Amino acid sequence: MRTQRTEFRRRSGRALCAAALAAGMAFGAGGAQAAGAGPVRIGVIAEQEIPIGLGITQAAELAADEINAAGGIGGRKIELFKYDDHASASDGVRAFQRAAKEDHVVAVVGSFLSEVNLALMPWAARLHMPYIGGGAANRISEMVHKDYARYKYVFEQSNNSYYLARTACDISSYALVKRFGFKTAVIMSEDAAWTKSLDKAYEECLPKVGLKVVGHIRFAPDTTDFSPIFSKIEALHPDVIIGGLAHTGLKPTIQWHDQHVPALLAGINVQAGASDFWTKTNGAAQGVITWNTGTPGAAVTPRSVPFAKAYTKRFGTAPTLEAYMTYDSMYALKQAIERAHSTKPDALVAALEKTDLVGTMGRMEFYGREARFTHDVKYGAKLVSGVGIQWQDGKQVAIWPPQAANGTPILPKFVKAGGHG
């Protein structure tokens, strides 16, 4: 009997050791298994009813399929869980909670809406869920900086409002001031969280590149008649209108064209980055300049054009600006998980902070804990700055930076070079 008990203890001990070894080899959170024994679950949250939101989900699907076809992440396949936030902060929060608590994802990529991302931040903190969002409000990264211990799980795949303004100023300097001699500008932005810091940065950087700000207009996002706004702008005689438009770019573009407002429409116009913007405006987009993360034909990096071709072939449309961001974020997660040999939240955060990835938008790195914009993607010519694009005869033409350009700036017939000043 005693011998049997001794042998039983020996076998039990060997079994426990084997179990411990297996657990040590495993990586993951929430019961994730060892490499090859289970999928890596990743959530993607975005509004599915508009192209920019759908582009997030489609880019995540494309990246996941590519990664899986190449062997997965450390031998494990990606399993993608998709959620629609319906452009609602409350729906976004519910989706995030479901992703973490019911579907047991290890990370989430997602929404382009600052309001949604700001609502998700407390939940990323409570649930210790790494989240790479696309909202442009400076508040997101500044909150991470001020309360790192709480918000360290939140990253941003886009340049924030401050850097979007700098990009628009850099594009304007190259394409408008130096080429056409423009001297004055009116800022025209929708009244939203992301444009508050955008407009403040515009006021700082536009004069530095040679554009005197002669007016500043903020309008309600539900505005339908822009005639009074354009009449006010025309009375100020600016050479260019520098926009801050995310959800409202369509109507002002059409009315700008129909009224022949003699100031070029430029700045940030998110809807103008969509491939169907020309069709939706019935050609009124001619001459409109905006920023985008990329555009077909613009070789920002060796990965830019192949991605655009693959995306267009699969989905029948060119990638939206958030598609480039989300695609790169999926590969950043792959790199981080493989570097950490883990999907545990804190290990994944530490690995994401070391991201160094040549993606479709540029070289992707995140600002560190000591930076003002903690966990924002770094901005710069050799990092991520995006491209300046202009609608010309039905096509998006890259006009900035020079090394990625495949065309030169033009003016619509009702806008004159030389400026009013």
Protein backbone atom coordinates (compact mmCIF):
# COMPACT_ATOMS: atom_id res chain seq x y z
CA MET A 1 0.00 0.00 0.00
CA ARG A 2 2.76 2.37 1.03
CA THR A 3 4.64 1.53 -2.20
CA GLN A 4 1.53 2.23 -4.26
CA ARG A 5 1.02 5.61 -2.59
CA THR A 6 4.68 6.49 -3.16
CA GLU A 7 4.42 5.58 -6.83
CA PHE A 8 1.18 7.56 -7.14
CA ARG A 9 2.88 10.65 -5.67
CA ARG A 10 5.79 10.27 -8.07
CA ARG A 11 3.48 10.04 -11.06
CA SER A 12 1.40 12.97 -9.83
CA GLY A 13 4.54 15.01 -9.35
CA ARG A 14 5.73 14.23 -12.87
CA ALA A 15 2.29 15.18 -14.23
CA LEU A 16 2.29 18.49 -12.34
CA CYS A 17 5.78 19.29 -13.62
CA ALA A 18 4.68 18.53 -17.17
CA ALA A 19 1.62 20.75 -16.73
CA ALA A 20 3.74 23.57 -15.33
CA LEU A 21 6.17 23.28 -18.23
CA ALA A 22 3.31 23.43 -20.71
CA ALA A 23 1.89 26.48 -18.97
CA GLY A 24 5.30 28.13 -19.08
CA MET A 25 5.52 27.52 -22.81
CA ALA A 26 2.09 28.99 -23.38
CA PHE A 27 1.61 32.68 -24.03
CA GLY A 28 -1.55 34.67 -23.73
CA ALA A 29 -4.20 36.05 -21.46
CA GLY A 30 -7.56 34.68 -20.48
CA GLY A 31 -6.53 31.07 -20.94
CA ALA A 32 -4.78 31.51 -24.30
CA GLN A 33 -2.92 28.41 -25.38
CA ALA A 34 0.60 27.68 -26.53
CA ALA A 35 1.71 28.43 -30.07
CA GLY A 36 -0.27 26.36 -32.53
CA ALA A 37 -2.85 25.30 -29.90
CA GLY A 38 -5.36 28.12 -30.34
CA PRO A 39 -6.05 31.31 -32.28
CA VAL A 40 -5.00 34.82 -31.34
CA ARG A 41 -8.28 36.65 -30.91
CA ILE A 42 -8.29 40.29 -32.03
CA GLY A 43 -11.29 42.62 -32.04
CA VAL A 44 -12.03 45.38 -34.53
CA ILE A 45 -14.60 48.10 -33.73
CA ALA A 46 -15.84 50.58 -36.35
CA GLU A 47 -18.96 52.02 -37.92
CA GLN A 48 -19.88 49.82 -40.86
CA GLU A 49 -22.35 52.08 -42.67
CA ILE A 50 -19.82 54.54 -44.10
CA PRO A 51 -16.69 53.86 -46.20
CA ILE A 52 -14.14 55.12 -43.66
CA GLY A 53 -15.49 52.82 -40.94
CA LEU A 54 -15.91 49.86 -43.27
CA GLY A 55 -12.34 50.41 -44.41
CA ILE A 56 -11.14 49.71 -40.86
CA THR A 57 -12.80 46.30 -40.79
CA GLN A 58 -11.78 45.40 -44.32
CA ALA A 59 -8.14 46.33 -43.73
CA ALA A 60 -8.11 44.23 -40.56
CA GLU A 61 -9.54 41.30 -42.52
CA LEU A 62 -6.90 41.68 -45.25
CA ALA A 63 -4.04 41.89 -42.76
CA ALA A 64 -5.35 38.92 -40.74
CA ASP A 65 -5.66 36.76 -43.85
CA GLU A 66 -2.16 37.71 -45.02
CA ILE A 67 -0.65 36.99 -41.61
CA ASN A 68 -2.48 33.67 -41.36
CA ALA A 69 -1.37 32.64 -44.84
CA ALA A 70 2.23 33.36 -43.82
CA GLY A 71 2.05 31.17 -40.72
CA GLY A 72 0.14 33.34 -38.27
CA ILE A 73 1.56 34.89 -35.11
CA GLY A 74 4.12 32.55 -33.58
CA GLY A 75 2.39 29.70 -35.37
CA ARG A 76 -1.09 30.73 -34.20
CA LYS A 77 -3.81 31.93 -36.55
CA ILE A 78 -5.60 35.22 -36.01
CA GLU A 79 -9.31 34.99 -35.29
CA LEU A 80 -10.96 38.35 -35.96
CA PHE A 81 -14.04 39.51 -34.06
CA LYS A 82 -15.90 42.37 -35.75
CA TYR A 83 -18.22 44.90 -34.08
CA ASP A 84 -20.23 47.90 -35.34
CA ASP A 85 -20.15 50.98 -33.10
CA HIS A 86 -22.78 52.79 -35.22
CA ALA A 87 -20.81 56.01 -34.64
CA SER A 88 -22.05 55.88 -31.05
CA ALA A 89 -19.89 56.10 -27.93
CA SER A 90 -22.32 53.91 -25.96
CA ASP A 91 -22.44 51.26 -28.71
CA GLY A 92 -18.67 51.37 -28.90
CA VAL A 93 -18.38 50.77 -25.16
CA ARG A 94 -20.81 47.84 -25.33
CA ALA A 95 -18.83 46.32 -28.19
CA PHE A 96 -15.57 46.77 -26.28
CA GLN A 97 -17.02 45.11 -23.19
CA ARG A 98 -18.27 42.19 -25.25
CA ALA A 99 -14.91 41.81 -26.95
CA ALA A 100 -13.09 41.61 -23.63
CA LYS A 101 -15.55 39.76 -21.42
CA GLU A 102 -17.36 37.40 -23.80
CA ASP A 103 -15.11 36.91 -26.82
CA HIS A 104 -11.85 37.08 -24.82
CA VAL A 105 -9.84 39.00 -27.40
CA VAL A 106 -6.26 39.92 -26.51
CA ALA A 107 -6.33 43.35 -28.20
CA VAL A 108 -8.67 45.65 -30.11
CA VAL A 109 -8.11 47.95 -33.09
CA GLY A 110 -10.70 50.41 -34.16
CA SER A 111 -12.78 53.47 -34.36
CA PHE A 112 -11.84 56.68 -36.16
CA LEU A 113 -14.16 58.77 -33.98
CA SER A 114 -12.50 60.74 -31.21
CA GLU A 115 -15.70 60.68 -29.17
CA VAL A 116 -15.85 56.88 -29.32
CA ASN A 117 -12.17 56.48 -28.47
CA LEU A 118 -12.42 58.83 -25.51
CA ALA A 119 -15.35 56.75 -24.21
CA LEU A 120 -13.36 53.53 -24.62
CA MET A 121 -10.33 54.76 -22.67
CA PRO A 122 -11.72 54.11 -19.16
CA TRP A 123 -12.76 50.61 -20.24
CA ALA A 124 -9.37 49.81 -21.73
CA ALA A 125 -7.98 50.83 -18.32
CA ARG A 126 -10.49 48.81 -16.26
CA LEU A 127 -10.28 45.69 -18.41
CA HIS A 128 -6.53 45.97 -19.06
CA MET A 129 -7.25 45.63 -22.77
CA PRO A 130 -4.65 46.94 -25.27
CA TYR A 131 -6.43 49.18 -27.76
CA ILE A 132 -5.10 50.88 -30.89
CA GLY A 133 -7.62 53.49 -32.03
CA GLY A 134 -7.74 56.05 -34.80
CA GLY A 135 -9.27 59.09 -33.10
CA ALA A 136 -7.33 62.28 -33.74
CA ALA A 137 -8.05 64.27 -30.58
CA ASN A 138 -4.94 65.36 -28.67
CA ARG A 139 -6.76 64.65 -25.40
CA ILE A 140 -6.35 60.90 -25.89
CA SER A 141 -2.56 60.82 -25.87
CA GLU A 142 -2.34 63.65 -23.33
CA MET A 143 -4.52 61.60 -20.97
CA VAL A 144 -2.17 58.64 -21.42
CA HIS A 145 0.75 60.95 -20.62
CA LYS A 146 -0.85 62.42 -17.49
CA ASP A 147 -2.10 59.11 -16.05
CA TYR A 148 0.15 56.50 -17.62
CA ALA A 149 -0.49 53.79 -15.03
CA ARG A 150 -4.20 53.89 -15.81
CA TYR A 151 -4.29 54.57 -19.56
CA LYS A 152 -1.13 52.82 -20.78
CA TYR A 153 -3.26 50.28 -22.68
CA VAL A 154 -4.38 52.93 -25.19
CA PHE A 155 -2.44 53.69 -28.40
CA GLU A 156 -3.29 55.80 -31.44
CA GLN A 157 -2.60 54.67 -34.98
CA SER A 158 -3.20 58.15 -36.44
CA ASN A 159 -1.40 61.45 -36.18
CA ASN A 160 -3.36 63.50 -33.65
CA SER A 161 -4.98 66.87 -34.36
CA TYR A 162 -1.78 68.80 -33.64
CA TYR A 163 0.18 66.81 -36.21
CA LEU A 164 -2.70 66.79 -38.70
CA ALA A 165 -2.56 70.59 -38.61
CA ARG A 166 1.21 70.53 -39.10
CA THR A 167 0.77 68.23 -42.08
CA ALA A 168 -1.86 70.50 -43.63
CA CYS A 169 0.50 73.44 -43.12
CA ASP A 170 3.40 71.56 -44.70
CA ILE A 171 1.21 70.63 -47.69
CA SER A 172 0.01 74.24 -48.01
CA SER A 173 3.56 75.58 -47.88
CA TYR A 174 4.73 73.30 -50.66
CA ALA A 175 1.65 73.20 -52.89
CA LEU A 176 0.03 76.62 -52.35
CA VAL A 177 2.42 79.23 -50.98
CA LYS A 178 5.49 78.31 -53.01
CA ARG A 179 3.66 77.23 -56.16
CA PHE A 180 0.77 79.69 -56.43
CA GLY A 181 1.84 82.60 -54.21
CA PHE A 182 -1.09 82.30 -51.82
CA LYS A 183 -0.87 84.55 -48.76
CA THR A 184 -4.13 84.44 -46.77
CA ALA A 185 -6.40 81.78 -45.31
CA VAL A 186 -9.70 81.27 -43.51
CA ILE A 187 -10.03 78.32 -41.14
CA MET A 188 -13.38 76.51 -41.54
CA SER A 189 -13.97 73.56 -39.19
CA GLU A 190 -16.85 71.47 -37.95
CA ASP A 191 -17.55 71.89 -34.25
CA ALA A 192 -16.19 68.64 -32.82
CA ALA A 193 -13.72 67.45 -30.20
CA TRP A 194 -10.91 66.76 -32.65
CA THR A 195 -11.07 70.19 -34.34
CA LYS A 196 -10.58 72.23 -31.16
CA SER A 197 -6.91 71.34 -30.97
CA LEU A 198 -6.67 71.22 -34.77
CA ASP A 199 -7.82 74.82 -35.12
CA LYS A 200 -5.49 76.00 -32.37
CA ALA A 201 -2.57 74.34 -34.16
CA TYR A 202 -3.70 75.85 -37.49
CA GLU A 203 -3.54 79.31 -35.95
CA GLU A 204 0.04 78.62 -34.88
CA CYS A 205 1.45 76.99 -38.00
CA LEU A 206 -0.31 78.69 -40.93
CA PRO A 207 1.41 82.08 -40.39
CA LYS A 208 4.75 80.27 -40.10
CA VAL A 209 4.38 78.87 -43.63
CA GLY A 210 3.28 82.21 -45.11
CA LEU A 211 -0.53 82.12 -44.78
CA LYS A 212 -2.04 84.94 -42.73
CA VAL A 213 -5.24 83.81 -40.99
CA VAL A 214 -7.93 86.39 -41.82
CA GLY A 215 -10.93 84.50 -40.46
CA HIS A 216 -11.96 81.53 -38.34
CA ILE A 217 -15.35 79.82 -38.70
CA ARG A 218 -16.71 76.85 -36.77
CA PHE A 219 -20.04 75.37 -37.83
CA ALA A 220 -22.49 72.82 -36.46
CA PRO A 221 -21.99 69.32 -37.91
CA ASP A 222 -25.65 69.19 -38.99
CA THR A 223 -25.30 72.31 -41.18
CA THR A 224 -26.88 71.80 -44.60
CA ASP A 225 -26.76 75.27 -46.16
CA PHE A 226 -23.24 76.67 -46.40
CA SER A 227 -24.21 79.71 -48.49
CA PRO A 228 -24.09 82.16 -45.56
CA ILE A 229 -20.74 80.73 -44.48
CA PHE A 230 -19.24 81.04 -47.95
CA SER A 231 -20.63 84.56 -48.32
CA LYS A 232 -18.87 85.53 -45.10
CA ILE A 233 -15.66 83.87 -46.32
CA GLU A 234 -15.78 85.65 -49.69
CA ALA A 235 -16.09 88.99 -47.90
CA LEU A 236 -12.75 88.26 -46.23
CA HIS A 237 -11.05 87.62 -49.61
CA PRO A 238 -8.85 84.67 -48.57
CA ASP A 239 -6.74 82.76 -51.05
CA VAL A 240 -7.45 79.41 -49.44
CA ILE A 241 -9.97 77.79 -47.10
CA ILE A 242 -8.22 75.49 -44.64
CA GLY A 243 -10.80 72.94 -43.53
CA GLY A 244 -11.25 70.74 -40.50
CA LEU A 245 -13.85 68.35 -41.92
CA ALA A 246 -14.38 64.73 -40.96
CA HIS A 247 -18.09 63.93 -41.22
CA THR A 248 -19.17 67.04 -43.12
CA GLY A 249 -16.92 67.29 -46.18
CA LEU A 250 -19.46 66.39 -48.85
CA LYS A 251 -21.99 69.25 -48.72
CA PRO A 252 -19.54 72.12 -48.33
CA THR A 253 -17.47 70.78 -51.24
CA ILE A 254 -20.49 70.67 -53.56
CA GLN A 255 -21.68 74.13 -52.52
CA TRP A 256 -18.12 75.57 -52.72
CA HIS A 257 -17.93 74.40 -56.32
CA ASP A 258 -21.47 75.41 -57.30
CA GLN A 259 -21.00 78.90 -55.87
CA HIS A 260 -17.54 79.24 -57.44
CA VAL A 261 -16.03 80.45 -54.19
CA PRO A 262 -12.71 81.99 -55.34
CA ALA A 263 -10.61 80.39 -52.60
CA LEU A 264 -9.12 76.92 -52.88
CA LEU A 265 -10.59 74.31 -50.55
CA ALA A 266 -7.75 72.55 -48.72
CA GLY A 267 -6.70 71.46 -45.21
CA ILE A 268 -8.18 68.27 -43.71
CA ASN A 269 -11.28 66.87 -45.44
CA VAL A 270 -11.61 63.23 -44.38
CA GLN A 271 -14.47 62.39 -46.74
CA ALA A 272 -12.43 63.71 -49.66
CA GLY A 273 -9.98 60.89 -48.96
CA ALA A 274 -12.56 58.27 -49.95
CA SER A 275 -12.31 56.81 -53.44
CA ASP A 276 -15.97 57.56 -54.23
CA PHE A 277 -15.80 61.26 -53.29
CA TRP A 278 -15.56 62.35 -56.92
CA THR A 279 -18.72 60.42 -57.81
CA LYS A 280 -20.62 61.61 -54.74
CA THR A 281 -19.82 65.25 -55.54
CA ASN A 282 -20.49 64.76 -59.26
CA GLY A 283 -17.05 66.16 -60.03
CA ALA A 284 -17.34 69.15 -57.68
CA ALA A 285 -14.22 67.85 -55.95
CA GLN A 286 -12.02 69.09 -58.80
CA GLY A 287 -9.02 70.86 -57.24
CA VAL A 288 -9.84 69.97 -53.62
CA ILE A 289 -6.70 69.25 -51.58
CA THR A 290 -6.62 67.16 -48.44
CA TRP A 291 -4.40 64.92 -46.38
CA ASN A 292 -4.56 61.15 -46.48
CA THR A 293 -2.55 58.28 -45.04
CA GLY A 294 -1.91 57.08 -48.56
CA THR A 295 -3.38 56.88 -52.03
CA PRO A 296 -2.99 54.41 -54.93
CA GLY A 297 0.20 55.14 -56.82
CA ALA A 298 1.93 56.99 -53.97
CA ALA A 299 4.96 54.92 -52.91
CA VAL A 300 5.42 56.31 -49.39
CA THR A 301 7.16 53.01 -48.52
CA PRO A 302 7.72 49.78 -50.48
CA ARG A 303 4.54 48.43 -48.82
CA SER A 304 2.19 51.28 -49.80
CA VAL A 305 1.39 50.44 -53.42
CA PRO A 306 1.18 46.63 -52.96
CA PHE A 307 -1.29 47.16 -50.09
CA ALA A 308 -3.45 49.54 -52.14
CA LYS A 309 -3.51 47.08 -55.05
CA ALA A 310 -4.37 44.11 -52.83
CA TYR A 311 -7.10 46.05 -51.03
CA THR A 312 -8.63 47.35 -54.27
CA LYS A 313 -8.56 43.91 -55.88
CA ARG A 314 -10.30 42.30 -52.92
CA PHE A 315 -12.88 44.96 -52.02
CA GLY A 316 -13.37 46.75 -55.34
CA THR A 317 -12.46 50.18 -54.02
CA ALA A 318 -9.31 52.05 -53.01
CA PRO A 319 -8.43 51.96 -49.30
CA THR A 320 -9.73 54.72 -47.05
CA LEU A 321 -7.34 56.66 -44.82
CA GLU A 322 -8.20 54.49 -41.79
CA ALA A 323 -7.61 51.35 -43.83
CA TYR A 324 -3.90 52.18 -44.08
CA MET A 325 -3.78 52.81 -40.32
CA THR A 326 -5.59 49.63 -39.33
CA TYR A 327 -3.56 47.45 -41.68
CA ASP A 328 -0.34 48.75 -40.14
CA SER A 329 -1.75 48.33 -36.62
CA MET A 330 -2.49 44.65 -37.24
CA TYR A 331 1.14 44.10 -38.23
CA ALA A 332 2.27 46.11 -35.21
CA LEU A 333 0.27 43.74 -32.99
CA LYS A 334 1.84 40.75 -34.71
CA GLN A 335 5.30 42.19 -34.15
CA ALA A 336 4.53 42.99 -30.50
CA ILE A 337 3.10 39.57 -29.65
CA GLU A 338 6.05 37.80 -31.24
CA ARG A 339 8.51 40.10 -29.48
CA ALA A 340 6.84 39.59 -26.11
CA HIS A 341 6.17 35.85 -26.60
CA SER A 342 2.96 36.72 -24.81
CA THR A 343 -0.48 38.24 -25.17
CA LYS A 344 -0.71 39.21 -21.51
CA PRO A 345 -1.79 42.86 -21.39
CA ASP A 346 1.22 44.45 -19.68
CA ALA A 347 3.70 42.43 -21.73
CA LEU A 348 1.87 43.40 -24.91
CA VAL A 349 1.86 47.09 -23.95
CA ALA A 350 5.61 46.98 -23.29
CA ALA A 351 6.19 45.33 -26.66
CA LEU A 352 3.94 47.80 -28.52
CA GLU A 353 5.99 50.63 -27.03
CA LYS A 354 8.99 49.18 -28.87
CA THR A 355 7.20 49.09 -32.23
CA ASP A 356 9.52 49.73 -35.15
CA LEU A 357 7.68 48.78 -38.31
CA VAL A 358 7.91 49.89 -41.92
CA GLY A 359 4.23 49.96 -42.80
CA THR A 360 2.13 51.46 -45.56
CA MET A 361 2.15 54.97 -44.02
CA GLY A 362 5.83 55.17 -43.16
CA ARG A 363 8.03 53.96 -40.34
CA MET A 364 5.72 53.29 -37.43
CA GLU A 365 6.89 54.03 -33.90
CA PHE A 366 5.00 55.29 -30.84
CA TYR A 367 5.91 58.23 -28.62
CA GLY A 368 7.12 57.12 -25.19
CA ARG A 369 5.96 57.73 -21.67
CA GLU A 370 7.84 61.02 -21.27
CA ALA A 371 6.50 62.59 -24.48
CA ARG A 372 3.57 65.00 -24.51
CA PHE A 373 1.61 62.73 -26.87
CA THR A 374 2.29 59.39 -25.21
CA HIS A 375 1.45 56.37 -27.40
CA ASP A 376 0.62 58.43 -30.48
CA VAL A 377 2.31 57.29 -33.66
CA LYS A 378 5.39 59.44 -34.25
CA TYR A 379 5.18 62.20 -36.86
CA GLY A 380 7.92 63.10 -39.32
CA ALA A 381 9.21 62.86 -42.87
CA LYS A 382 11.06 59.63 -42.08
CA LEU A 383 8.29 58.37 -39.81
CA VAL A 384 4.55 58.87 -40.48
CA SER A 385 3.29 62.03 -42.16
CA GLY A 386 0.87 60.76 -44.81
CA VAL A 387 0.42 62.33 -48.24
CA GLY A 388 -1.16 65.47 -49.65
CA ILE A 389 -3.67 64.53 -52.35
CA GLN A 390 -5.67 66.56 -54.84
CA TRP A 391 -8.69 65.54 -56.89
CA GLN A 392 -7.82 65.99 -60.55
CA ASP A 393 -10.19 64.83 -63.32
CA GLY A 394 -11.69 62.03 -61.28
CA LYS A 395 -8.48 60.77 -59.69
CA GLN A 396 -6.67 61.24 -56.40
CA VAL A 397 -3.21 62.58 -57.26
CA ALA A 398 -0.42 62.61 -54.67
CA ILE A 399 1.16 66.10 -54.66
CA TRP A 400 3.17 65.91 -51.40
CA PRO A 401 5.72 64.92 -50.16
CA PRO A 402 7.82 65.29 -53.30
CA GLN A 403 9.37 61.83 -53.03
CA ALA A 404 5.93 60.16 -53.05
CA ALA A 405 4.17 62.53 -55.47
CA ASN A 406 2.81 61.29 -58.78
CA GLY A 407 1.48 64.65 -59.96
CA THR A 408 1.61 68.43 -59.47
CA PRO A 409 -0.97 70.83 -57.97
CA ILE A 410 -3.57 72.54 -60.17
CA LEU A 411 -6.27 75.16 -59.56
CA PRO A 412 -9.96 74.95 -60.47
CA LYS A 413 -11.08 77.51 -63.06
CA PHE A 414 -12.69 79.84 -60.51
CA VAL A 415 -9.56 80.14 -58.29
CA LYS A 416 -6.71 82.38 -59.38
CA ALA A 417 -3.01 82.09 -58.62
CA GLY A 418 -1.15 84.97 -57.01
CA GLY A 419 -3.52 85.56 -54.14
CA HIS A 420 -5.55 88.57 -53.06
CA GLY A 421 -2.82 90.08 -50.91
